[in-house]
PDB file of N, CA and C in Angstrom:
ATOM      1  N   UNK A   1      45.043 135.311 132.470  1.00  0.00           N
ATOM      2  CA  UNK A   1      45.885 135.609 131.332  1.00  0.00           C
ATOM      3  C   UNK A   1      45.501 136.987 130.794  1.00  0.00           C
ATOM      4  N   UNK A   2      46.466 137.848 130.699  1.00  0.00           N
ATOM      5  CA  UNK A   2      46.227 139.192 130.181  1.00  0.00           C
ATOM      6  C   UNK A   2      46.342 139.166 128.671  1.00  0.00           C
ATOM      7  N   UNK A   3      45.335 139.691 128.018  1.00  0.00           N
ATOM      8  CA  UNK A   3      45.354 139.751 126.563  1.00  0.00           C
ATOM      9  C   UNK A   3      45.669 141.164 126.117  1.00  0.00           C
ATOM     10  N   UNK A   4      46.529 141.283 125.145  1.00  0.00           N
ATOM     11  CA  UNK A   4      46.744 142.592 124.549  1.00  0.00           C
ATOM     12  C   UNK A   4      46.926 142.412 123.056  1.00  0.00           C
ATOM     13  N   UNK A   5      46.493 143.401 122.363  1.00  0.00           N
ATOM     14  CA  UNK A   5      46.538 143.365 120.910  1.00  0.00           C
ATOM     15  C   UNK A   5      47.925 143.801 120.433  1.00  0.00           C
ATOM     16  N   UNK A   6      48.506 143.044 119.515  1.00  0.00           N
ATOM     17  CA  UNK A   6      49.795 143.442 118.952  1.00  0.00           C
ATOM     18  C   UNK A   6      49.587 144.678 118.097  1.00  0.00           C
ATOM     19  N   UNK A   7      50.449 145.633 118.300  1.00  0.00           N
ATOM     20  CA  UNK A   7      50.394 146.820 117.453  1.00  0.00           C
ATOM     21  C   UNK A   7      51.805 147.311 117.190  1.00  0.00           C
ATOM     22  N   UNK A   8      51.905 148.425 116.522  1.00  0.00           N
ATOM     23  CA  UNK A   8      53.205 148.938 116.101  1.00  0.00           C
ATOM     24  C   UNK A   8      54.079 149.376 117.267  1.00  0.00           C
ATOM     25  N   UNK A   9      53.521 149.436 118.473  1.00  0.00           N
ATOM     26  CA  UNK A   9      54.321 149.802 119.642  1.00  0.00           C
ATOM     27  C   UNK A   9      54.785 148.583 120.434  1.00  0.00           C
ATOM     28  N   UNK A  10      54.212 147.404 120.171  1.00  0.00           N
ATOM     29  CA  UNK A  10      54.632 146.181 120.851  1.00  0.00           C
ATOM     30  C   UNK A  10      55.637 145.396 120.014  1.00  0.00           C
ATOM     31  N   UNK A  11      55.522 145.471 118.716  1.00  0.00           N
ATOM     32  CA  UNK A  11      56.451 144.784 117.823  1.00  0.00           C
ATOM     33  C   UNK A  11      57.746 145.597 117.785  1.00  0.00           C
ATOM     34  N   UNK A  12      58.870 144.912 117.856  1.00  0.00           N
ATOM     35  CA  UNK A  12      60.157 145.595 117.976  1.00  0.00           C
ATOM     36  C   UNK A  12      61.115 145.192 116.851  1.00  0.00           C
ATOM     37  N   UNK A  13      62.075 146.049 116.604  1.00  0.00           N
ATOM     38  CA  UNK A  13      63.172 145.781 115.684  1.00  0.00           C
ATOM     39  C   UNK A  13      64.463 145.941 116.454  1.00  0.00           C
ATOM     40  N   UNK A  14      65.372 145.014 116.252  1.00  0.00           N
ATOM     41  CA  UNK A  14      66.646 145.014 116.947  1.00  0.00           C
ATOM     42  C   UNK A  14      67.757 145.253 115.923  1.00  0.00           C
ATOM     43  N   UNK A  15      68.503 146.330 116.114  1.00  0.00           N
ATOM     44  CA  UNK A  15      69.625 146.668 115.229  1.00  0.00           C
ATOM     45  C   UNK A  15      70.932 146.340 115.937  1.00  0.00           C
ATOM     46  N   UNK A  16      71.888 145.812 115.196  1.00  0.00           N
ATOM     47  CA  UNK A  16      73.233 145.585 115.711  1.00  0.00           C
ATOM     48  C   UNK A  16      74.196 146.293 114.758  1.00  0.00           C
ATOM     49  N   UNK A  17      74.940 147.252 115.320  1.00  0.00           N
ATOM     50  CA  UNK A  17      75.953 147.997 114.567  1.00  0.00           C
ATOM     51  C   UNK A  17      77.308 147.565 115.110  1.00  0.00           C
ATOM     52  N   UNK A  18      78.272 147.352 114.250  1.00  0.00           N
ATOM     53  CA  UNK A  18      79.563 146.921 114.774  1.00  0.00           C
ATOM     54  C   UNK A  18      80.717 147.369 113.886  1.00  0.00           C
ATOM     55  N   UNK A  19      81.851 147.505 114.558  1.00  0.00           N
ATOM     56  CA  UNK A  19      83.120 147.816 113.898  1.00  0.00           C
ATOM     57  C   UNK A  19      84.137 146.887 114.523  1.00  0.00           C
ATOM     58  N   UNK A  20      84.469 145.823 113.805  1.00  0.00           N
ATOM     59  CA  UNK A  20      85.369 144.811 114.339  1.00  0.00           C
ATOM     60  C   UNK A  20      86.689 144.832 113.578  1.00  0.00           C
ATOM     61  N   UNK A  21      87.802 144.628 114.291  1.00  0.00           N
ATOM     62  CA  UNK A  21      89.106 144.626 113.609  1.00  0.00           C
ATOM     63  C   UNK A  21      89.254 143.410 112.701  1.00  0.00           C
ATOM     64  N   UNK A  22      89.978 143.605 111.608  1.00  0.00           N
ATOM     65  CA  UNK A  22      90.239 142.503 110.667  1.00  0.00           C
ATOM     66  C   UNK A  22      91.703 142.507 110.240  1.00  0.00           C
ATOM     67  N   UNK A  23      92.585 142.899 111.148  1.00  0.00           N
ATOM     68  CA  UNK A  23      94.007 143.000 110.809  1.00  0.00           C
ATOM     69  C   UNK A  23      94.700 141.645 110.789  1.00  0.00           C
ATOM     70  N   UNK A  24      94.404 140.806 111.764  1.00  0.00           N
ATOM     71  CA  UNK A  24      95.049 139.493 111.816  1.00  0.00           C
ATOM     72  C   UNK A  24      94.087 138.417 111.316  1.00  0.00           C
ATOM     73  N   UNK A  25      94.624 137.220 111.086  1.00  0.00           N
ATOM     74  CA  UNK A  25      93.785 136.092 110.657  1.00  0.00           C
ATOM     75  C   UNK A  25      92.735 135.779 111.722  1.00  0.00           C
ATOM     76  N   UNK A  26      93.143 135.845 112.992  1.00  0.00           N
ATOM     77  CA  UNK A  26      92.219 135.549 114.082  1.00  0.00           C
ATOM     78  C   UNK A  26      91.111 136.598 114.152  1.00  0.00           C
ATOM     79  N   UNK A  27      91.470 137.876 113.933  1.00  0.00           N
ATOM     80  CA  UNK A  27      90.452 138.942 113.922  1.00  0.00           C
ATOM     81  C   UNK A  27      89.439 138.704 112.803  1.00  0.00           C
ATOM     82  N   UNK A  28      89.923 138.352 111.632  1.00  0.00           N
ATOM     83  CA  UNK A  28      89.027 138.081 110.495  1.00  0.00           C
ATOM     84  C   UNK A  28      88.101 136.912 110.805  1.00  0.00           C
ATOM     85  N   UNK A  29      88.660 135.888 111.432  1.00  0.00           N
ATOM     86  CA  UNK A  29      87.872 134.705 111.796  1.00  0.00           C
ATOM     87  C   UNK A  29      86.787 135.087 112.813  1.00  0.00           C
ATOM     88  N   UNK A  30      87.157 135.887 113.812  1.00  0.00           N
ATOM     89  CA  UNK A  30      86.196 136.321 114.835  1.00  0.00           C
ATOM     90  C   UNK A  30      85.093 137.185 114.231  1.00  0.00           C
ATOM     91  N   UNK A  31      85.457 138.055 113.308  1.00  0.00           N
ATOM     92  CA  UNK A  31      84.485 138.928 112.644  1.00  0.00           C
ATOM     93  C   UNK A  31      83.506 138.096 111.811  1.00  0.00           C
ATOM     94  N   UNK A  32      84.032 137.147 111.060  1.00  0.00           N
ATOM     95  CA  UNK A  32      83.189 136.280 110.228  1.00  0.00           C
ATOM     96  C   UNK A  32      82.256 135.435 111.101  1.00  0.00           C
ATOM     97  N   UNK A  33      82.771 134.935 112.210  1.00  0.00           N
ATOM     98  CA  UNK A  33      81.958 134.131 113.123  1.00  0.00           C
ATOM     99  C   UNK A  33      80.829 134.977 113.730  1.00  0.00           C
ATOM    100  N   UNK A  34      81.131 136.221 114.075  1.00  0.00           N
ATOM    101  CA  UNK A  34      80.112 137.109 114.630  1.00  0.00           C
ATOM    102  C   UNK A  34      78.988 137.314 113.619  1.00  0.00           C
ATOM    103  N   UNK A  35      79.351 137.591 112.361  1.00  0.00           N
ATOM    104  CA  UNK A  35      78.347 137.764 111.308  1.00  0.00           C
ATOM    105  C   UNK A  35      77.507 136.495 111.125  1.00  0.00           C
ATOM    106  N   UNK A  36      78.168 135.350 111.090  1.00  0.00           N
ATOM    107  CA  UNK A  36      77.453 134.075 110.921  1.00  0.00           C
ATOM    108  C   UNK A  36      76.489 133.826 112.072  1.00  0.00           C
ATOM    109  N   UNK A  37      76.918 134.160 113.279  1.00  0.00           N
ATOM    110  CA  UNK A  37      76.043 133.985 114.442  1.00  0.00           C
ATOM    111  C   UNK A  37      74.825 134.901 114.369  1.00  0.00           C
ATOM    112  N   UNK A  38      75.023 136.129 113.894  1.00  0.00           N
ATOM    113  CA  UNK A  38      73.889 137.038 113.709  1.00  0.00           C
ATOM    114  C   UNK A  38      72.894 136.444 112.708  1.00  0.00           C
ATOM    115  N   UNK A  39      73.415 135.939 111.592  1.00  0.00           N
ATOM    116  CA  UNK A  39      72.545 135.363 110.568  1.00  0.00           C
ATOM    117  C   UNK A  39      71.826 134.116 111.085  1.00  0.00           C
ATOM    118  N   UNK A  40      72.528 133.280 111.869  1.00  0.00           N
ATOM    119  CA  UNK A  40      71.894 132.091 112.454  1.00  0.00           C
ATOM    120  C   UNK A  40      70.759 132.474 113.396  1.00  0.00           C
ATOM    121  N   UNK A  41      70.901 133.640 114.025  1.00  0.00           N
ATOM    122  CA  UNK A  41      69.877 134.095 114.973  1.00  0.00           C
ATOM    123  C   UNK A  41      68.763 134.892 114.281  1.00  0.00           C
ATOM    124  N   UNK A  42      68.743 134.894 112.963  1.00  0.00           N
ATOM    125  CA  UNK A  42      67.648 135.511 112.236  1.00  0.00           C
ATOM    126  C   UNK A  42      67.848 136.952 111.830  1.00  0.00           C
ATOM    127  N   UNK A  43      69.056 137.481 111.980  1.00  0.00           N
ATOM    128  CA  UNK A  43      69.344 138.852 111.561  1.00  0.00           C
ATOM    129  C   UNK A  43      69.601 138.893 110.067  1.00  0.00           C
ATOM    130  N   UNK A  44      69.279 140.018 109.457  1.00  0.00           N
ATOM    131  CA  UNK A  44      69.549 140.247 108.040  1.00  0.00           C
ATOM    132  C   UNK A  44      70.486 141.441 107.910  1.00  0.00           C
ATOM    133  N   UNK A  45      71.379 141.360 106.941  1.00  0.00           N
ATOM    134  CA  UNK A  45      72.301 142.465 106.729  1.00  0.00           C
ATOM    135  C   UNK A  45      71.569 143.629 106.063  1.00  0.00           C
ATOM    136  N   UNK A  46      71.624 144.790 106.705  1.00  0.00           N
ATOM    137  CA  UNK A  46      71.032 146.000 106.143  1.00  0.00           C
ATOM    138  C   UNK A  46      72.114 146.782 105.406  1.00  0.00           C
ATOM    139  N   UNK A  47      73.277 146.860 106.006  1.00  0.00           N
ATOM    140  CA  UNK A  47      74.482 147.401 105.405  1.00  0.00           C
ATOM    141  C   UNK A  47      75.614 146.515 105.890  1.00  0.00           C
ATOM    142  N   UNK A  48      76.829 146.749 105.433  1.00  0.00           N
ATOM    143  CA  UNK A  48      77.912 145.816 105.727  1.00  0.00           C
ATOM    144  C   UNK A  48      78.090 145.557 107.226  1.00  0.00           C
ATOM    145  N   UNK A  49      78.054 146.567 108.068  1.00  0.00           N
ATOM    146  CA  UNK A  49      78.226 146.371 109.509  1.00  0.00           C
ATOM    147  C   UNK A  49      76.970 146.731 110.295  1.00  0.00           C
ATOM    148  N   UNK A  50      75.824 146.602 109.643  1.00  0.00           N
ATOM    149  CA  UNK A  50      74.537 146.875 110.290  1.00  0.00           C
ATOM    150  C   UNK A  50      73.602 145.707 109.987  1.00  0.00           C
ATOM    151  N   UNK A  51      73.150 145.043 111.047  1.00  0.00           N
ATOM    152  CA  UNK A  51      72.222 143.929 110.902  1.00  0.00           C
ATOM    153  C   UNK A  51      70.934 144.265 111.651  1.00  0.00           C
ATOM    154  N   UNK A  52      69.820 143.749 111.168  1.00  0.00           N
ATOM    155  CA  UNK A  52      68.523 144.052 111.765  1.00  0.00           C
ATOM    156  C   UNK A  52      67.697 142.772 111.887  1.00  0.00           C
ATOM    157  N   UNK A  53      66.874 142.739 112.941  1.00  0.00           N
ATOM    158  CA  UNK A  53      66.017 141.575 113.160  1.00  0.00           C
ATOM    159  C   UNK A  53      64.665 142.028 113.692  1.00  0.00           C
ATOM    160  N   UNK A  54      63.621 141.415 113.181  1.00  0.00           N
ATOM    161  CA  UNK A  54      62.247 141.668 113.634  1.00  0.00           C
ATOM    162  C   UNK A  54      61.980 140.814 114.859  1.00  0.00           C
ATOM    163  N   UNK A  55      61.367 141.409 115.879  1.00  0.00           N
ATOM    164  CA  UNK A  55      60.979 140.670 117.079  1.00  0.00           C
ATOM    165  C   UNK A  55      59.501 140.936 117.329  1.00  0.00           C
ATOM    166  N   UNK A  56      58.721 139.898 117.474  1.00  0.00           N
ATOM    167  CA  UNK A  56      57.266 140.028 117.611  1.00  0.00           C
ATOM    168  C   UNK A  56      56.839 140.612 118.955  1.00  0.00           C
ATOM    169  N   UNK A  57      57.749 140.610 119.936  1.00  0.00           N
ATOM    170  CA  UNK A  57      57.402 141.132 121.259  1.00  0.00           C
ATOM    171  C   UNK A  57      58.660 141.608 121.968  1.00  0.00           C
ATOM    172  N   UNK A  58      58.451 142.310 123.069  1.00  0.00           N
ATOM    173  CA  UNK A  58      59.591 142.768 123.869  1.00  0.00           C
ATOM    174  C   UNK A  58      60.325 141.574 124.478  1.00  0.00           C
ATOM    175  N   UNK A  59      59.594 140.553 124.857  1.00  0.00           N
ATOM    176  CA  UNK A  59      60.204 139.346 125.428  1.00  0.00           C
ATOM    177  C   UNK A  59      61.144 138.685 124.421  1.00  0.00           C
ATOM    178  N   UNK A  60      60.701 138.609 123.175  1.00  0.00           N
ATOM    179  CA  UNK A  60      61.537 138.047 122.109  1.00  0.00           C
ATOM    180  C   UNK A  60      62.785 138.902 121.907  1.00  0.00           C
ATOM    181  N   UNK A  61      62.611 140.200 121.963  1.00  0.00           N
ATOM    182  CA  UNK A  61      63.738 141.125 121.800  1.00  0.00           C
ATOM    183  C   UNK A  61      64.791 140.886 122.884  1.00  0.00           C
ATOM    184  N   UNK A  62      64.363 140.713 124.117  1.00  0.00           N
ATOM    185  CA  UNK A  62      65.292 140.483 125.227  1.00  0.00           C
ATOM    186  C   UNK A  62      66.087 139.198 125.008  1.00  0.00           C
ATOM    187  N   UNK A  63      65.429 138.151 124.517  1.00  0.00           N
ATOM    188  CA  UNK A  63      66.105 136.879 124.238  1.00  0.00           C
ATOM    189  C   UNK A  63      67.207 137.074 123.197  1.00  0.00           C
ATOM    190  N   UNK A  64      66.895 137.794 122.123  1.00  0.00           N
ATOM    191  CA  UNK A  64      67.877 137.987 121.054  1.00  0.00           C
ATOM    192  C   UNK A  64      68.991 138.945 121.463  1.00  0.00           C
ATOM    193  N   UNK A  65      68.674 139.926 122.307  1.00  0.00           N
ATOM    194  CA  UNK A  65      69.718 140.802 122.844  1.00  0.00           C
ATOM    195  C   UNK A  65      70.733 139.987 123.627  1.00  0.00           C
ATOM    196  N   UNK A  66      70.247 139.109 124.484  1.00  0.00           N
ATOM    197  CA  UNK A  66      71.137 138.269 125.293  1.00  0.00           C
ATOM    198  C   UNK A  66      71.991 137.381 124.402  1.00  0.00           C
ATOM    199  N   UNK A  67      71.387 136.845 123.343  1.00  0.00           N
ATOM    200  CA  UNK A  67      72.134 135.979 122.421  1.00  0.00           C
ATOM    201  C   UNK A  67      73.263 136.745 121.751  1.00  0.00           C
ATOM    202  N   UNK A  68      72.955 137.958 121.279  1.00  0.00           N
ATOM    203  CA  UNK A  68      73.988 138.778 120.630  1.00  0.00           C
ATOM    204  C   UNK A  68      75.113 139.068 121.618  1.00  0.00           C
ATOM    205  N   UNK A  69      74.760 139.447 122.828  1.00  0.00           N
ATOM    206  CA  UNK A  69      75.775 139.735 123.850  1.00  0.00           C
ATOM    207  C   UNK A  69      76.669 138.530 124.108  1.00  0.00           C
ATOM    208  N   UNK A  70      76.116 137.327 123.977  1.00  0.00           N
ATOM    209  CA  UNK A  70      76.884 136.112 124.270  1.00  0.00           C
ATOM    210  C   UNK A  70      77.955 135.816 123.228  1.00  0.00           C
ATOM    211  N   UNK A  71      77.810 136.321 122.011  1.00  0.00           N
ATOM    212  CA  UNK A  71      78.842 136.030 121.011  1.00  0.00           C
ATOM    213  C   UNK A  71      79.578 137.268 120.496  1.00  0.00           C
ATOM    214  N   UNK A  72      79.590 138.350 121.276  1.00  0.00           N
ATOM    215  CA  UNK A  72      80.366 139.539 120.913  1.00  0.00           C
ATOM    216  C   UNK A  72      81.849 139.213 121.066  1.00  0.00           C
ATOM    217  N   UNK A  73      82.659 139.508 120.043  1.00  0.00           N
ATOM    218  CA  UNK A  73      84.103 139.252 120.138  1.00  0.00           C
ATOM    219  C   UNK A  73      84.766 140.139 121.206  1.00  0.00           C
ATOM    220  N   UNK A  74      85.949 139.742 121.645  1.00  0.00           N
ATOM    221  CA  UNK A  74      86.668 140.498 122.664  1.00  0.00           C
ATOM    222  C   UNK A  74      87.142 141.856 122.151  1.00  0.00           C
ATOM    223  N   UNK A  75      87.465 141.930 120.867  1.00  0.00           N
ATOM    224  CA  UNK A  75      87.957 143.183 120.287  1.00  0.00           C
ATOM    225  C   UNK A  75      86.871 143.828 119.429  1.00  0.00           C
ATOM    226  N   UNK A  76      86.934 145.160 119.325  1.00  0.00           N
ATOM    227  CA  UNK A  76      86.001 145.869 118.465  1.00  0.00           C
ATOM    228  C   UNK A  76      84.865 146.502 119.243  1.00  0.00           C
ATOM    229  N   UNK A  77      83.942 147.106 118.511  1.00  0.00           N
ATOM    230  CA  UNK A  77      82.807 147.783 119.126  1.00  0.00           C
ATOM    231  C   UNK A  77      81.511 147.236 118.546  1.00  0.00           C
ATOM    232  N   UNK A  78      80.554 146.959 119.418  1.00  0.00           N
ATOM    233  CA  UNK A  78      79.237 146.485 119.000  1.00  0.00           C
ATOM    234  C   UNK A  78      78.194 147.330 119.731  1.00  0.00           C
ATOM    235  N   UNK A  79      77.231 147.849 118.985  1.00  0.00           N
ATOM    236  CA  UNK A  79      76.129 148.616 119.574  1.00  0.00           C
ATOM    237  C   UNK A  79      74.826 147.919 119.224  1.00  0.00           C
ATOM    238  N   UNK A  80      73.893 147.924 120.167  1.00  0.00           N
ATOM    239  CA  UNK A  80      72.581 147.315 119.965  1.00  0.00           C
ATOM    240  C   UNK A  80      71.531 148.401 120.175  1.00  0.00           C
ATOM    241  N   UNK A  81      70.621 148.525 119.223  1.00  0.00           N
ATOM    242  CA  UNK A  81      69.564 149.533 119.294  1.00  0.00           C
ATOM    243  C   UNK A  81      68.217 148.850 119.112  1.00  0.00           C
ATOM    244  N   UNK A  82      67.260 149.193 119.966  1.00  0.00           N
ATOM    245  CA  UNK A  82      65.904 148.656 119.874  1.00  0.00           C
ATOM    246  C   UNK A  82      64.963 149.785 119.481  1.00  0.00           C
ATOM    247  N   UNK A  83      64.106 149.519 118.499  1.00  0.00           N
ATOM    248  CA  UNK A  83      63.097 150.506 118.105  1.00  0.00           C
ATOM    249  C   UNK A  83      61.769 149.785 117.918  1.00  0.00           C
ATOM    250  N   UNK A  84      60.695 150.528 118.091  1.00  0.00           N
ATOM    251  CA  UNK A  84      59.370 149.947 117.882  1.00  0.00           C
ATOM    252  C   UNK A  84      59.104 149.838 116.382  1.00  0.00           C
ATOM    253  N   UNK A  85      58.124 149.029 116.036  1.00  0.00           N
ATOM    254  CA  UNK A  85      57.734 148.897 114.639  1.00  0.00           C
ATOM    255  C   UNK A  85      57.243 150.238 114.097  1.00  0.00           C
ATOM    256  N   UNK A  86      56.597 151.010 114.945  1.00  0.00           N
ATOM    257  CA  UNK A  86      56.115 152.344 114.552  1.00  0.00           C
ATOM    258  C   UNK A  86      57.294 153.243 114.177  1.00  0.00           C
ATOM    259  N   UNK A  87      58.339 153.238 114.986  1.00  0.00           N
ATOM    260  CA  UNK A  87      59.532 154.033 114.689  1.00  0.00           C
ATOM    261  C   UNK A  87      60.218 153.529 113.426  1.00  0.00           C
ATOM    262  N   UNK A  88      60.319 152.209 113.301  1.00  0.00           N
ATOM    263  CA  UNK A  88      60.961 151.622 112.132  1.00  0.00           C
ATOM    264  C   UNK A  88      60.201 151.972 110.855  1.00  0.00           C
ATOM    265  N   UNK A  89      58.891 152.126 110.968  1.00  0.00           N
ATOM    266  CA  UNK A  89      58.068 152.480 109.811  1.00  0.00           C
ATOM    267  C   UNK A  89      58.364 153.855 109.254  1.00  0.00           C
ATOM    268  N   UNK A  90      59.048 154.692 110.036  1.00  0.00           N
ATOM    269  CA  UNK A  90      59.398 156.042 109.582  1.00  0.00           C
ATOM    270  C   UNK A  90      60.773 156.097 108.917  1.00  0.00           C
ATOM    271  N   UNK A  91      61.387 154.965 108.676  1.00  0.00           N
ATOM    272  CA  UNK A  91      62.718 154.948 108.081  1.00  0.00           C
ATOM    273  C   UNK A  91      62.651 155.326 106.600  1.00  0.00           C
ATOM    274  N   UNK A  92      63.634 156.048 106.160  1.00  0.00           N
ATOM    275  CA  UNK A  92      63.781 156.388 104.743  1.00  0.00           C
ATOM    276  C   UNK A  92      65.068 155.759 104.244  1.00  0.00           C
ATOM    277  N   UNK A  93      64.991 155.016 103.167  1.00  0.00           N
ATOM    278  CA  UNK A  93      66.168 154.411 102.545  1.00  0.00           C
ATOM    279  C   UNK A  93      66.356 155.027 101.171  1.00  0.00           C
ATOM    280  N   UNK A  94      67.569 155.398 100.886  1.00  0.00           N
ATOM    281  CA  UNK A  94      67.892 155.981  99.587  1.00  0.00           C
ATOM    282  C   UNK A  94      69.006 155.172  98.944  1.00  0.00           C
ATOM    283  N   UNK A  95      68.830 154.868  97.694  1.00  0.00           N
ATOM    284  CA  UNK A  95      69.857 154.184  96.920  1.00  0.00           C
ATOM    285  C   UNK A  95      70.311 155.145  95.838  1.00  0.00           C
ATOM    286  N   UNK A  96      71.616 155.226  95.618  1.00  0.00           N
ATOM    287  CA  UNK A  96      72.135 156.118  94.583  1.00  0.00           C
ATOM    288  C   UNK A  96      71.701 155.665  93.207  1.00  0.00           C
ATOM    289  N   UNK A  97      71.740 156.601  92.294  1.00  0.00           N
ATOM    290  CA  UNK A  97      71.370 156.274  90.919  1.00  0.00           C
ATOM    291  C   UNK A  97      72.496 155.477  90.285  1.00  0.00           C
ATOM    292  N   UNK A  98      72.112 154.438  89.596  1.00  0.00           N
ATOM    293  CA  UNK A  98      73.108 153.626  88.900  1.00  0.00           C
ATOM    294  C   UNK A  98      73.366 154.220  87.533  1.00  0.00           C
ATOM    295  N   UNK A  99      74.607 154.195  87.142  1.00  0.00           N
ATOM    296  CA  UNK A  99      74.937 154.666  85.812  1.00  0.00           C
ATOM    297  C   UNK A  99      74.512 153.605  84.809  1.00  0.00           C
ATOM    298  N   UNK A 100      73.816 154.039  83.801  1.00  0.00           N
ATOM    299  CA  UNK A 100      73.385 153.106  82.765  1.00  0.00           C
ATOM    300  C   UNK A 100      74.238 153.332  81.531  1.00  0.00           C
ATOM    301  N   UNK A 101      74.624 152.259  80.950  1.00  0.00           N
ATOM    302  CA  UNK A 101      75.414 152.342  79.733  1.00  0.00           C
ATOM    303  C   UNK A 101      74.507 152.763  78.591  1.00  0.00           C
ATOM    304  N   UNK A 102      74.915 153.773  77.896  1.00  0.00           N
ATOM    305  CA  UNK A 102      74.119 154.236  76.758  1.00  0.00           C
ATOM    306  C   UNK A 102      74.460 153.370  75.555  1.00  0.00           C
ATOM    307  N   UNK A 103      73.438 152.755  75.033  1.00  0.00           N
ATOM    308  CA  UNK A 103      73.640 151.888  73.869  1.00  0.00           C
ATOM    309  C   UNK A 103      73.337 152.717  72.625  1.00  0.00           C
ATOM    310  N   UNK A 104      74.343 152.854  71.811  1.00  0.00           N
ATOM    311  CA  UNK A 104      74.133 153.631  70.597  1.00  0.00           C
ATOM    312  C   UNK A 104      73.323 152.792  69.607  1.00  0.00           C
ATOM    313  N   UNK A 105      72.521 153.473  68.853  1.00  0.00           N
ATOM    314  CA  UNK A 105      71.705 152.770  67.862  1.00  0.00           C
ATOM    315  C   UNK A 105      72.613 152.251  66.759  1.00  0.00           C
ATOM    316  N   UNK A 106      72.358 151.038  66.311  1.00  0.00           N
ATOM    317  CA  UNK A 106      73.209 150.497  65.250  1.00  0.00           C
ATOM    318  C   UNK A 106      72.979 151.258  63.939  1.00  0.00           C
ATOM    319  N   UNK A 107      74.079 151.370  63.208  1.00  0.00           N
ATOM    320  CA  UNK A 107      73.933 152.032  61.888  1.00  0.00           C
ATOM    321  C   UNK A 107      73.331 151.042  60.932  1.00  0.00           C
ATOM    322  N   UNK A 108      72.425 151.531  60.150  1.00  0.00           N
ATOM    323  CA  UNK A 108      71.748 150.654  59.208  1.00  0.00           C
ATOM    324  C   UNK A 108      72.601 150.541  57.948  1.00  0.00           C
ATOM    325  N   UNK A 109      72.745 149.332  57.496  1.00  0.00           N
ATOM    326  CA  UNK A 109      73.519 149.076  56.288  1.00  0.00           C
ATOM    327  C   UNK A 109      72.585 149.048  55.096  1.00  0.00           C
ATOM    328  N   UNK A 110      72.882 149.851  54.102  1.00  0.00           N
ATOM    329  CA  UNK A 110      72.057 149.858  52.898  1.00  0.00           C
ATOM    330  C   UNK A 110      72.832 149.181  51.785  1.00  0.00           C
ATOM    331  N   UNK A 111      72.138 148.314  51.085  1.00  0.00           N
ATOM    332  CA  UNK A 111      72.747 147.636  49.945  1.00  0.00           C
ATOM    333  C   UNK A 111      72.040 148.126  48.691  1.00  0.00           C
ATOM    334  N   UNK A 112      72.819 148.618  47.751  1.00  0.00           N
ATOM    335  CA  UNK A 112      72.250 149.142  46.507  1.00  0.00           C
ATOM    336  C   UNK A 112      72.108 148.081  45.478  1.00  0.00           C
TER     337      UNK A 112
END
């Protein structure tokens, strides 16, 4: 049995990017089913059409790649990207600033 230490180059992240049609009822149903299948397989939504999943090894990654391929709808585009944990660690996420409602100070009522 070969032993190797898990490190940031053995642990993998699997990204699924997709653009699926939603013009007809059947297209919407297929798109929703694809998303549900991704979630059932342990993927998390990163953005609306971008899902990501952690895989502890390359072998695990291959299993999940095959699973995703098995439920890709006939229409639309699906891309699968694999990156190491080391590469994923270099990701930068930016969220826009939220507008905050300015609450005016209440006027004080004076009673004489």
